[in-house]
Amino acid sequence: MRLDPATSLLGVIDIQQRLLPALPGGPAAARRAERVVRAAGLLGVPAVLTEQYPKGLGPTPAELADLLPPAVAKLTFSAAAEVRDAVAAAASARGAVEGIVLCGFETHVCIAQTALDLLADGFAVFIVVDALASRRAIDHEVGLRRLEGAGAVPVTSEAVVFEWARSAEHPQFQALRRLVLDID
């Protein structure tokens, strides 16, 4: 199973201002999500941004929100409906979406429920493990193991960037390489 920018969609799930200080590793995960978001922008990969109960959890940090389409507010833990809507829009604009790349908060709740729903829909789901976070380490680790056992493919932000590029000959390679060096 390989990632291809022509058939990928990026889901940025619930990286919100009030969650950042509550999640160990949250700021680092948000920076790595930014790496993937910037790479998606350079490579024309469509993206969807969700916010879980933004009235209570606040908005997406501006430095990330400014790189993405407007956030879709949700109350359900799964963002699968919002991702499906983005898939439909992307499919009508550029063709079938086969792989969904997910990053965000919290691994064992919103990421897990979204990934499980999308796997049930038949999508290949890639979880960017260094761009995910949960409040407790045990929840994060068990969430990752559960998702991998269910068929989600664990990847890192750097792996996504270079797999989308395929080669150092890609016209955007130098910009992508800078993302890997500059954002960590």
N, C-alpha and C. Protein backbone atom coordinates (compact mmCIF):
# COMPACT_ATOMS: atom_id res chain seq x y z
N MET A 1 0.84 -1.16 0.00
CA MET A 1 0.00 0.00 0.00
C MET A 1 0.89 1.24 0.00
N ARG A 2 0.81 2.02 -1.04
CA ARG A 2 1.63 3.22 -1.17
C ARG A 2 0.76 4.46 -1.22
N LEU A 3 1.29 5.54 -0.67
CA LEU A 3 0.61 6.83 -0.75
C LEU A 3 0.92 7.48 -2.08
N ASP A 4 -0.10 8.05 -2.69
CA ASP A 4 0.04 8.75 -3.96
C ASP A 4 -0.71 10.08 -3.81
N PRO A 5 -0.05 11.20 -4.08
CA PRO A 5 -0.76 12.48 -3.91
C PRO A 5 -1.99 12.61 -4.81
N ALA A 6 -2.00 11.91 -5.93
CA ALA A 6 -3.14 12.00 -6.85
C ALA A 6 -4.38 11.31 -6.33
N THR A 7 -4.20 10.39 -5.37
CA THR A 7 -5.35 9.64 -4.84
C THR A 7 -5.47 9.75 -3.32
N SER A 8 -4.77 10.72 -2.73
CA SER A 8 -4.79 10.90 -1.27
C SER A 8 -5.68 12.06 -0.87
N LEU A 9 -6.12 12.01 0.37
CA LEU A 9 -6.81 13.12 1.02
C LEU A 9 -6.27 13.19 2.44
N LEU A 10 -6.06 14.39 2.94
CA LEU A 10 -5.54 14.60 4.29
C LEU A 10 -6.66 15.03 5.22
N GLY A 11 -6.80 14.35 6.34
CA GLY A 11 -7.74 14.74 7.38
C GLY A 11 -6.99 15.24 8.60
N VAL A 12 -7.20 16.51 8.95
CA VAL A 12 -6.58 17.11 10.12
C VAL A 12 -7.69 17.23 11.16
N ILE A 13 -7.60 16.39 12.17
CA ILE A 13 -8.71 16.17 13.10
C ILE A 13 -8.44 16.82 14.46
N ASP A 14 -9.18 17.86 14.75
CA ASP A 14 -9.32 18.41 16.10
C ASP A 14 -8.01 18.86 16.77
N ILE A 15 -7.12 19.46 16.02
CA ILE A 15 -5.94 20.08 16.63
C ILE A 15 -6.38 21.47 17.07
N GLN A 16 -6.75 21.58 18.35
CA GLN A 16 -7.39 22.80 18.83
C GLN A 16 -6.62 23.44 19.98
N GLN A 17 -6.74 24.75 20.04
CA GLN A 17 -5.96 25.58 20.94
C GLN A 17 -6.03 25.11 22.39
N ARG A 18 -7.20 24.82 22.90
CA ARG A 18 -7.32 24.47 24.32
C ARG A 18 -6.85 23.04 24.61
N LEU A 19 -6.71 22.23 23.59
CA LEU A 19 -6.20 20.87 23.79
C LEU A 19 -4.67 20.85 23.87
N LEU A 20 -4.02 21.76 23.18
CA LEU A 20 -2.55 21.73 23.08
C LEU A 20 -1.85 21.60 24.44
N PRO A 21 -2.16 22.44 25.44
CA PRO A 21 -1.43 22.31 26.70
C PRO A 21 -1.82 21.06 27.50
N ALA A 22 -2.95 20.46 27.20
CA ALA A 22 -3.41 19.29 27.95
C ALA A 22 -2.82 17.98 27.43
N LEU A 23 -2.18 18.03 26.27
CA LEU A 23 -1.67 16.81 25.66
C LEU A 23 -0.15 16.78 25.68
N PRO A 24 0.44 15.84 26.42
CA PRO A 24 1.90 15.72 26.34
C PRO A 24 2.28 15.43 24.88
N GLY A 25 3.19 16.19 24.37
CA GLY A 25 3.58 16.02 22.98
C GLY A 25 2.63 16.69 22.01
N GLY A 26 1.61 17.38 22.50
CA GLY A 26 0.64 18.03 21.62
C GLY A 26 1.25 19.09 20.71
N PRO A 27 2.07 20.01 21.26
CA PRO A 27 2.69 21.01 20.39
C PRO A 27 3.59 20.38 19.32
N ALA A 28 4.35 19.36 19.67
CA ALA A 28 5.22 18.69 18.69
C ALA A 28 4.37 17.99 17.64
N ALA A 29 3.30 17.34 18.06
CA ALA A 29 2.40 16.67 17.10
C ALA A 29 1.78 17.69 16.16
N ALA A 30 1.41 18.86 16.68
CA ALA A 30 0.82 19.90 15.84
C ALA A 30 1.84 20.40 14.81
N ARG A 31 3.11 20.54 15.22
CA ARG A 31 4.15 20.97 14.26
C ARG A 31 4.35 19.92 13.16
N ARG A 32 4.30 18.66 13.52
CA ARG A 32 4.46 17.61 12.51
C ARG A 32 3.24 17.53 11.61
N ALA A 33 2.07 17.80 12.16
CA ALA A 33 0.87 17.90 11.32
C ALA A 33 1.03 19.05 10.34
N GLU A 34 1.61 20.16 10.81
CA GLU A 34 1.85 21.29 9.91
C GLU A 34 2.77 20.88 8.76
N ARG A 35 3.76 20.05 9.04
CA ARG A 35 4.65 19.55 7.99
C ARG A 35 3.84 18.84 6.90
N VAL A 36 2.94 17.97 7.32
CA VAL A 36 2.13 17.21 6.36
C VAL A 36 1.17 18.14 5.62
N VAL A 37 0.59 19.09 6.33
CA VAL A 37 -0.33 20.05 5.71
C VAL A 37 0.40 20.86 4.64
N ARG A 38 1.59 21.35 4.97
CA ARG A 38 2.36 22.13 4.00
C ARG A 38 2.75 21.28 2.78
N ALA A 39 3.13 20.04 3.02
CA ALA A 39 3.46 19.14 1.91
C ALA A 39 2.23 18.90 1.04
N ALA A 40 1.09 18.69 1.67
CA ALA A 40 -0.16 18.50 0.91
C ALA A 40 -0.43 19.71 0.03
N GLY A 41 -0.21 20.90 0.58
CA GLY A 41 -0.42 22.12 -0.19
C GLY A 41 0.51 22.21 -1.39
N LEU A 42 1.76 21.84 -1.20
CA LEU A 42 2.74 21.87 -2.30
C LEU A 42 2.40 20.86 -3.39
N LEU A 43 1.79 19.75 -2.99
CA LEU A 43 1.55 18.65 -3.93
C LEU A 43 0.11 18.54 -4.41
N GLY A 44 -0.73 19.48 -4.00
CA GLY A 44 -2.11 19.48 -4.46
C GLY A 44 -3.00 18.41 -3.84
N VAL A 45 -2.63 17.95 -2.65
CA VAL A 45 -3.45 16.95 -1.95
C VAL A 45 -4.57 17.69 -1.22
N PRO A 46 -5.83 17.36 -1.50
CA PRO A 46 -6.93 18.04 -0.80
C PRO A 46 -6.94 17.68 0.68
N ALA A 47 -7.48 18.59 1.48
CA ALA A 47 -7.50 18.39 2.92
C ALA A 47 -8.82 18.83 3.51
N VAL A 48 -9.12 18.26 4.67
CA VAL A 48 -10.28 18.68 5.46
C VAL A 48 -9.80 18.91 6.88
N LEU A 49 -10.32 19.95 7.51
CA LEU A 49 -9.99 20.30 8.89
C LEU A 49 -11.26 20.23 9.72
N THR A 50 -11.19 19.52 10.85
CA THR A 50 -12.35 19.48 11.74
C THR A 50 -11.97 20.05 13.11
N GLU A 51 -13.02 20.50 13.80
CA GLU A 51 -12.88 20.97 15.17
C GLU A 51 -13.99 20.35 16.01
N GLN A 52 -13.61 19.70 17.09
CA GLN A 52 -14.55 19.09 18.01
C GLN A 52 -15.05 20.16 18.98
N TYR A 53 -16.34 20.44 18.95
CA TYR A 53 -16.95 21.39 19.87
C TYR A 53 -16.07 22.63 20.06
N PRO A 54 -15.91 23.43 19.00
CA PRO A 54 -14.99 24.57 19.08
C PRO A 54 -15.37 25.61 20.14
N LYS A 55 -16.65 25.69 20.50
CA LYS A 55 -17.05 26.63 21.54
C LYS A 55 -16.35 26.30 22.86
N GLY A 56 -16.17 25.03 23.14
CA GLY A 56 -15.51 24.62 24.38
C GLY A 56 -14.02 24.39 24.25
N LEU A 57 -13.59 23.85 23.10
CA LEU A 57 -12.18 23.48 22.94
C LEU A 57 -11.38 24.51 22.14
N GLY A 58 -12.04 25.53 21.67
CA GLY A 58 -11.34 26.58 20.96
C GLY A 58 -11.07 26.22 19.51
N PRO A 59 -10.52 27.17 18.77
CA PRO A 59 -10.25 26.97 17.35
C PRO A 59 -8.92 26.24 17.13
N THR A 60 -8.69 25.91 15.89
CA THR A 60 -7.39 25.41 15.44
C THR A 60 -6.40 26.58 15.55
N PRO A 61 -5.16 26.33 16.01
CA PRO A 61 -4.18 27.42 16.03
C PRO A 61 -4.07 28.06 14.65
N ALA A 62 -3.97 29.37 14.64
CA ALA A 62 -3.99 30.13 13.38
C ALA A 62 -2.92 29.69 12.40
N GLU A 63 -1.72 29.37 12.89
CA GLU A 63 -0.64 28.98 11.97
C GLU A 63 -0.98 27.71 11.20
N LEU A 64 -1.83 26.88 11.73
CA LEU A 64 -2.28 25.67 11.03
C LEU A 64 -3.56 25.95 10.24
N ALA A 65 -4.51 26.63 10.87
CA ALA A 65 -5.79 26.92 10.22
C ALA A 65 -5.61 27.72 8.94
N ASP A 66 -4.63 28.61 8.93
CA ASP A 66 -4.41 29.46 7.75
C ASP A 66 -3.96 28.67 6.52
N LEU A 67 -3.50 27.45 6.73
CA LEU A 67 -3.00 26.61 5.64
C LEU A 67 -4.07 25.67 5.07
N LEU A 68 -5.25 25.67 5.68
CA LEU A 68 -6.27 24.68 5.36
C LEU A 68 -7.59 25.33 4.99
N PRO A 69 -8.50 24.55 4.39
CA PRO A 69 -9.85 25.07 4.18
C PRO A 69 -10.49 25.38 5.54
N PRO A 70 -11.56 26.17 5.55
CA PRO A 70 -12.21 26.47 6.83
C PRO A 70 -12.59 25.20 7.59
N ALA A 71 -12.45 25.28 8.90
CA ALA A 71 -12.74 24.12 9.74
C ALA A 71 -14.23 23.79 9.72
N VAL A 72 -14.51 22.50 9.82
CA VAL A 72 -15.87 22.01 9.94
C VAL A 72 -16.07 21.62 11.40
N ALA A 73 -17.02 22.27 12.06
CA ALA A 73 -17.31 21.97 13.46
C ALA A 73 -18.09 20.67 13.54
N LYS A 74 -17.82 19.91 14.61
CA LYS A 74 -18.52 18.65 14.80
C LYS A 74 -18.73 18.39 16.28
N LEU A 75 -19.73 17.58 16.58
CA LEU A 75 -19.96 17.12 17.94
C LEU A 75 -19.72 15.62 18.07
N THR A 76 -19.83 14.90 16.97
CA THR A 76 -19.52 13.47 17.00
C THR A 76 -18.02 13.30 17.15
N PHE A 77 -17.61 12.19 17.74
CA PHE A 77 -16.18 11.96 17.89
C PHE A 77 -15.56 11.57 16.56
N SER A 78 -16.24 10.77 15.77
CA SER A 78 -15.74 10.41 14.45
C SER A 78 -15.91 11.59 13.50
N ALA A 79 -14.87 11.82 12.70
CA ALA A 79 -14.94 12.85 11.65
C ALA A 79 -15.15 12.20 10.29
N ALA A 80 -15.59 10.96 10.28
CA ALA A 80 -15.75 10.24 9.01
C ALA A 80 -16.73 10.93 8.08
N ALA A 81 -17.82 11.47 8.59
CA ALA A 81 -18.79 12.15 7.72
C ALA A 81 -18.16 13.36 7.04
N GLU A 82 -17.37 14.13 7.78
CA GLU A 82 -16.70 15.29 7.21
C GLU A 82 -15.65 14.86 6.18
N VAL A 83 -14.94 13.78 6.48
CA VAL A 83 -13.95 13.26 5.52
C VAL A 83 -14.65 12.75 4.27
N ARG A 84 -15.76 12.03 4.45
CA ARG A 84 -16.51 11.54 3.28
C ARG A 84 -16.95 12.70 2.38
N ASP A 85 -17.41 13.80 2.98
CA ASP A 85 -17.80 14.97 2.20
C ASP A 85 -16.62 15.52 1.41
N ALA A 86 -15.45 15.58 2.05
CA ALA A 86 -14.24 16.06 1.37
C ALA A 86 -13.82 15.10 0.27
N VAL A 87 -13.98 13.80 0.50
CA VAL A 87 -13.66 12.80 -0.53
C VAL A 87 -14.56 13.00 -1.74
N ALA A 88 -15.85 13.22 -1.51
CA ALA A 88 -16.79 13.42 -2.62
C ALA A 88 -16.41 14.66 -3.43
N ALA A 89 -16.05 15.75 -2.74
CA ALA A 89 -15.65 16.97 -3.44
C ALA A 89 -14.37 16.74 -4.23
N ALA A 90 -13.40 16.07 -3.62
CA ALA A 90 -12.13 15.80 -4.30
C ALA A 90 -12.33 14.88 -5.50
N ALA A 91 -13.17 13.87 -5.33
CA ALA A 91 -13.41 12.91 -6.42
C ALA A 91 -14.04 13.60 -7.62
N SER A 92 -14.96 14.53 -7.38
CA SER A 92 -15.58 15.21 -8.51
C SER A 92 -14.61 16.19 -9.17
N ALA A 93 -13.64 16.68 -8.42
CA ALA A 93 -12.68 17.64 -8.97
C ALA A 93 -11.48 16.99 -9.64
N ARG A 94 -11.04 15.81 -9.13
CA ARG A 94 -9.80 15.26 -9.65
C ARG A 94 -9.73 13.75 -9.75
N GLY A 95 -10.77 13.04 -9.36
CA GLY A 95 -10.77 11.59 -9.46
C GLY A 95 -10.84 10.92 -8.10
N ALA A 96 -10.82 9.61 -8.12
CA ALA A 96 -11.04 8.81 -6.92
C ALA A 96 -10.00 9.06 -5.84
N VAL A 97 -10.46 9.04 -4.62
CA VAL A 97 -9.59 9.07 -3.45
C VAL A 97 -9.53 7.65 -2.91
N GLU A 98 -8.31 7.16 -2.72
CA GLU A 98 -8.12 5.80 -2.22
C GLU A 98 -7.52 5.77 -0.83
N GLY A 99 -6.64 6.73 -0.55
CA GLY A 99 -5.94 6.73 0.73
C GLY A 99 -6.24 7.98 1.52
N ILE A 100 -6.56 7.78 2.79
CA ILE A 100 -6.84 8.89 3.71
C ILE A 100 -5.69 8.95 4.71
N VAL A 101 -5.06 10.10 4.82
CA VAL A 101 -3.98 10.34 5.77
C VAL A 101 -4.58 11.13 6.93
N LEU A 102 -4.45 10.60 8.15
CA LEU A 102 -5.04 11.26 9.31
C LEU A 102 -3.97 11.71 10.30
N CYS A 103 -4.16 12.92 10.83
CA CYS A 103 -3.34 13.40 11.92
C CYS A 103 -4.25 14.21 12.84
N GLY A 104 -3.84 14.37 14.09
CA GLY A 104 -4.64 15.18 15.00
C GLY A 104 -4.76 14.62 16.40
N PHE A 105 -5.84 15.04 17.08
CA PHE A 105 -6.06 14.74 18.49
C PHE A 105 -7.42 14.06 18.67
N GLU A 106 -7.73 13.31 19.59
CA GLU A 106 -6.93 12.44 20.39
C GLU A 106 -6.89 11.08 19.72
N THR A 107 -5.75 10.43 19.82
CA THR A 107 -5.49 9.18 19.11
C THR A 107 -6.58 8.14 19.37
N HIS A 108 -6.92 7.94 20.62
CA HIS A 108 -7.81 6.84 21.02
C HIS A 108 -9.30 7.19 20.90
N VAL A 109 -9.64 8.43 20.60
CA VAL A 109 -11.04 8.83 20.51
C VAL A 109 -11.36 9.26 19.08
N CYS A 110 -11.13 10.52 18.76
CA CYS A 110 -11.55 11.04 17.45
C CYS A 110 -10.76 10.44 16.29
N ILE A 111 -9.46 10.26 16.46
CA ILE A 111 -8.68 9.63 15.39
C ILE A 111 -9.12 8.18 15.23
N ALA A 112 -9.22 7.45 16.33
CA ALA A 112 -9.60 6.03 16.25
C ALA A 112 -10.98 5.85 15.63
N GLN A 113 -11.96 6.60 16.10
CA GLN A 113 -13.31 6.41 15.57
C GLN A 113 -13.39 6.80 14.10
N THR A 114 -12.67 7.86 13.72
CA THR A 114 -12.65 8.26 12.31
C THR A 114 -12.00 7.18 11.45
N ALA A 115 -10.84 6.72 11.88
CA ALA A 115 -10.11 5.70 11.12
C ALA A 115 -10.92 4.41 10.99
N LEU A 116 -11.53 3.97 12.08
CA LEU A 116 -12.32 2.73 12.04
C LEU A 116 -13.49 2.85 11.08
N ASP A 117 -14.17 4.00 11.09
CA ASP A 117 -15.28 4.21 10.16
C ASP A 117 -14.81 4.23 8.71
N LEU A 118 -13.67 4.87 8.46
CA LEU A 118 -13.15 4.95 7.09
C LEU A 118 -12.63 3.60 6.60
N LEU A 119 -12.04 2.83 7.49
CA LEU A 119 -11.62 1.47 7.13
C LEU A 119 -12.85 0.63 6.76
N ALA A 120 -13.93 0.79 7.52
CA ALA A 120 -15.17 0.06 7.22
C ALA A 120 -15.73 0.46 5.87
N ASP A 121 -15.45 1.70 5.44
CA ASP A 121 -15.89 2.17 4.12
C ASP A 121 -15.02 1.64 2.99
N GLY A 122 -13.89 1.01 3.34
CA GLY A 122 -13.01 0.44 2.32
C GLY A 122 -11.83 1.32 1.93
N PHE A 123 -11.62 2.42 2.63
CA PHE A 123 -10.47 3.28 2.34
C PHE A 123 -9.20 2.69 2.95
N ALA A 124 -8.07 2.95 2.33
CA ALA A 124 -6.78 2.74 2.97
C ALA A 124 -6.58 3.93 3.90
N VAL A 125 -6.28 3.66 5.16
CA VAL A 125 -6.14 4.72 6.15
C VAL A 125 -4.71 4.69 6.68
N PHE A 126 -4.05 5.85 6.61
CA PHE A 126 -2.69 6.01 7.08
C PHE A 126 -2.72 6.96 8.27
N ILE A 127 -2.18 6.53 9.39
CA ILE A 127 -2.18 7.35 10.60
C ILE A 127 -0.76 7.87 10.83
N VAL A 128 -0.64 9.17 10.89
CA VAL A 128 0.67 9.82 11.03
C VAL A 128 1.02 9.83 12.52
N VAL A 129 1.74 8.80 12.95
CA VAL A 129 1.94 8.55 14.37
C VAL A 129 2.67 9.66 15.11
N ASP A 130 3.53 10.40 14.44
CA ASP A 130 4.22 11.50 15.12
C ASP A 130 3.43 12.81 15.04
N ALA A 131 2.24 12.77 14.46
CA ALA A 131 1.36 13.93 14.39
C ALA A 131 0.02 13.61 15.06
N LEU A 132 0.09 12.73 16.07
CA LEU A 132 -1.08 12.35 16.86
C LEU A 132 -0.72 12.53 18.33
N ALA A 133 -1.73 12.75 19.17
CA ALA A 133 -1.49 12.87 20.60
C ALA A 133 -2.77 12.55 21.37
N SER A 134 -2.57 12.11 22.60
CA SER A 134 -3.65 11.90 23.57
C SER A 134 -3.18 12.43 24.92
N ARG A 135 -4.13 12.65 25.82
CA ARG A 135 -3.78 13.17 27.14
C ARG A 135 -2.90 12.20 27.92
N ARG A 136 -3.18 10.91 27.79
CA ARG A 136 -2.41 9.91 28.53
C ARG A 136 -1.68 8.99 27.57
N ALA A 137 -0.46 8.64 27.93
CA ALA A 137 0.38 7.78 27.08
C ALA A 137 -0.29 6.43 26.82
N ILE A 138 -0.93 5.86 27.82
CA ILE A 138 -1.56 4.54 27.64
C ILE A 138 -2.67 4.62 26.59
N ASP A 139 -3.45 5.69 26.60
CA ASP A 139 -4.51 5.85 25.61
C ASP A 139 -3.93 5.98 24.20
N HIS A 140 -2.86 6.74 24.09
CA HIS A 140 -2.20 6.92 22.79
C HIS A 140 -1.66 5.58 22.28
N GLU A 141 -0.93 4.88 23.12
CA GLU A 141 -0.31 3.61 22.70
C GLU A 141 -1.35 2.55 22.35
N VAL A 142 -2.35 2.40 23.19
CA VAL A 142 -3.39 1.40 22.92
C VAL A 142 -4.19 1.80 21.68
N GLY A 143 -4.45 3.09 21.52
CA GLY A 143 -5.13 3.57 20.31
C GLY A 143 -4.36 3.21 19.06
N LEU A 144 -3.05 3.43 19.08
CA LEU A 144 -2.21 3.07 17.92
C LEU A 144 -2.25 1.58 17.65
N ARG A 145 -2.11 0.78 18.70
CA ARG A 145 -2.13 -0.69 18.51
C ARG A 145 -3.48 -1.15 17.97
N ARG A 146 -4.55 -0.59 18.49
CA ARG A 146 -5.89 -0.95 18.01
C ARG A 146 -6.04 -0.61 16.53
N LEU A 147 -5.62 0.57 16.15
CA LEU A 147 -5.77 1.00 14.76
C LEU A 147 -4.92 0.15 13.82
N GLU A 148 -3.70 -0.14 14.22
CA GLU A 148 -2.85 -0.99 13.38
C GLU A 148 -3.46 -2.38 13.25
N GLY A 149 -3.99 -2.91 14.34
CA GLY A 149 -4.64 -4.21 14.30
C GLY A 149 -5.88 -4.22 13.41
N ALA A 150 -6.54 -3.08 13.31
CA ALA A 150 -7.74 -2.97 12.48
C ALA A 150 -7.42 -2.75 11.00
N GLY A 151 -6.13 -2.47 10.70
CA GLY A 151 -5.75 -2.31 9.30
C GLY A 151 -5.26 -0.93 8.91
N ALA A 152 -5.24 0.02 9.85
CA ALA A 152 -4.67 1.33 9.54
C ALA A 152 -3.16 1.18 9.44
N VAL A 153 -2.56 1.95 8.56
CA VAL A 153 -1.12 1.86 8.31
C VAL A 153 -0.41 2.98 9.06
N PRO A 154 0.48 2.63 10.01
CA PRO A 154 1.22 3.69 10.70
C PRO A 154 2.33 4.24 9.80
N VAL A 155 2.43 5.56 9.78
CA VAL A 155 3.47 6.26 9.02
C VAL A 155 3.96 7.43 9.86
N THR A 156 5.08 8.02 9.46
CA THR A 156 5.55 9.24 10.11
C THR A 156 5.34 10.40 9.15
N SER A 157 5.41 11.60 9.69
CA SER A 157 5.22 12.78 8.83
C SER A 157 6.28 12.84 7.74
N GLU A 158 7.51 12.53 8.08
CA GLU A 158 8.57 12.54 7.08
C GLU A 158 8.33 11.48 6.00
N ALA A 159 7.87 10.31 6.41
CA ALA A 159 7.58 9.25 5.43
C ALA A 159 6.49 9.69 4.46
N VAL A 160 5.45 10.35 4.96
CA VAL A 160 4.37 10.83 4.09
C VAL A 160 4.91 11.82 3.07
N VAL A 161 5.69 12.78 3.54
CA VAL A 161 6.23 13.82 2.65
C VAL A 161 7.03 13.18 1.51
N PHE A 162 7.94 12.29 1.84
CA PHE A 162 8.80 11.72 0.80
C PHE A 162 8.10 10.64 -0.03
N GLU A 163 7.13 9.96 0.55
CA GLU A 163 6.37 8.99 -0.26
C GLU A 163 5.51 9.71 -1.28
N TRP A 164 4.90 10.82 -0.89
CA TRP A 164 4.14 11.61 -1.85
C TRP A 164 5.06 12.12 -2.97
N ALA A 165 6.29 12.50 -2.64
CA ALA A 165 7.22 13.03 -3.65
C ALA A 165 7.78 11.95 -4.55
N ARG A 166 8.00 10.76 -4.02
CA ARG A 166 8.52 9.60 -4.74
C ARG A 166 10.00 9.68 -5.10
N SER A 167 10.53 10.88 -5.40
CA SER A 167 11.89 10.98 -5.92
C SER A 167 12.47 12.36 -5.62
N ALA A 168 13.78 12.40 -5.49
CA ALA A 168 14.47 13.68 -5.34
C ALA A 168 14.40 14.50 -6.62
N GLU A 169 13.92 13.90 -7.68
CA GLU A 169 13.74 14.62 -8.94
C GLU A 169 12.40 15.35 -9.02
N HIS A 170 11.55 15.15 -8.02
CA HIS A 170 10.25 15.83 -8.01
C HIS A 170 10.48 17.34 -8.02
N PRO A 171 9.69 18.09 -8.80
CA PRO A 171 9.88 19.55 -8.87
C PRO A 171 9.77 20.25 -7.51
N GLN A 172 9.04 19.67 -6.56
CA GLN A 172 8.88 20.29 -5.24
C GLN A 172 9.84 19.71 -4.20
N PHE A 173 10.78 18.88 -4.63
CA PHE A 173 11.63 18.18 -3.66
C PHE A 173 12.34 19.12 -2.70
N GLN A 174 12.95 20.19 -3.19
CA GLN A 174 13.71 21.08 -2.30
C GLN A 174 12.80 21.72 -1.26
N ALA A 175 11.61 22.12 -1.66
CA ALA A 175 10.66 22.70 -0.70
C ALA A 175 10.22 21.65 0.32
N LEU A 176 10.01 20.43 -0.14
CA LEU A 176 9.62 19.34 0.77
C LEU A 176 10.76 19.00 1.72
N ARG A 177 11.96 18.98 1.21
CA ARG A 177 13.12 18.68 2.04
C ARG A 177 13.27 19.73 3.15
N ARG A 178 13.02 20.99 2.81
CA ARG A 178 13.08 22.06 3.82
C ARG A 178 12.02 21.84 4.91
N LEU A 179 10.85 21.35 4.52
CA LEU A 179 9.82 21.07 5.54
C LEU A 179 10.32 20.05 6.55
N VAL A 180 11.00 19.04 6.05
CA VAL A 180 11.51 17.99 6.93
C VAL A 180 12.61 18.52 7.82
N LEU A 181 13.45 19.40 7.29
CA LEU A 181 14.55 19.95 8.08
C LEU A 181 14.10 21.05 9.04
N ASP A 182 13.12 21.86 8.62
CA ASP A 182 12.72 23.04 9.39
C ASP A 182 11.65 22.79 10.43
N ILE A 183 10.81 21.79 10.22
CA ILE A 183 9.69 21.56 11.15
C ILE A 183 9.94 20.24 11.87
N ASP A 184 10.12 20.34 13.16
CA ASP A 184 10.27 19.12 13.96
C ASP A 184 9.83 19.35 15.35
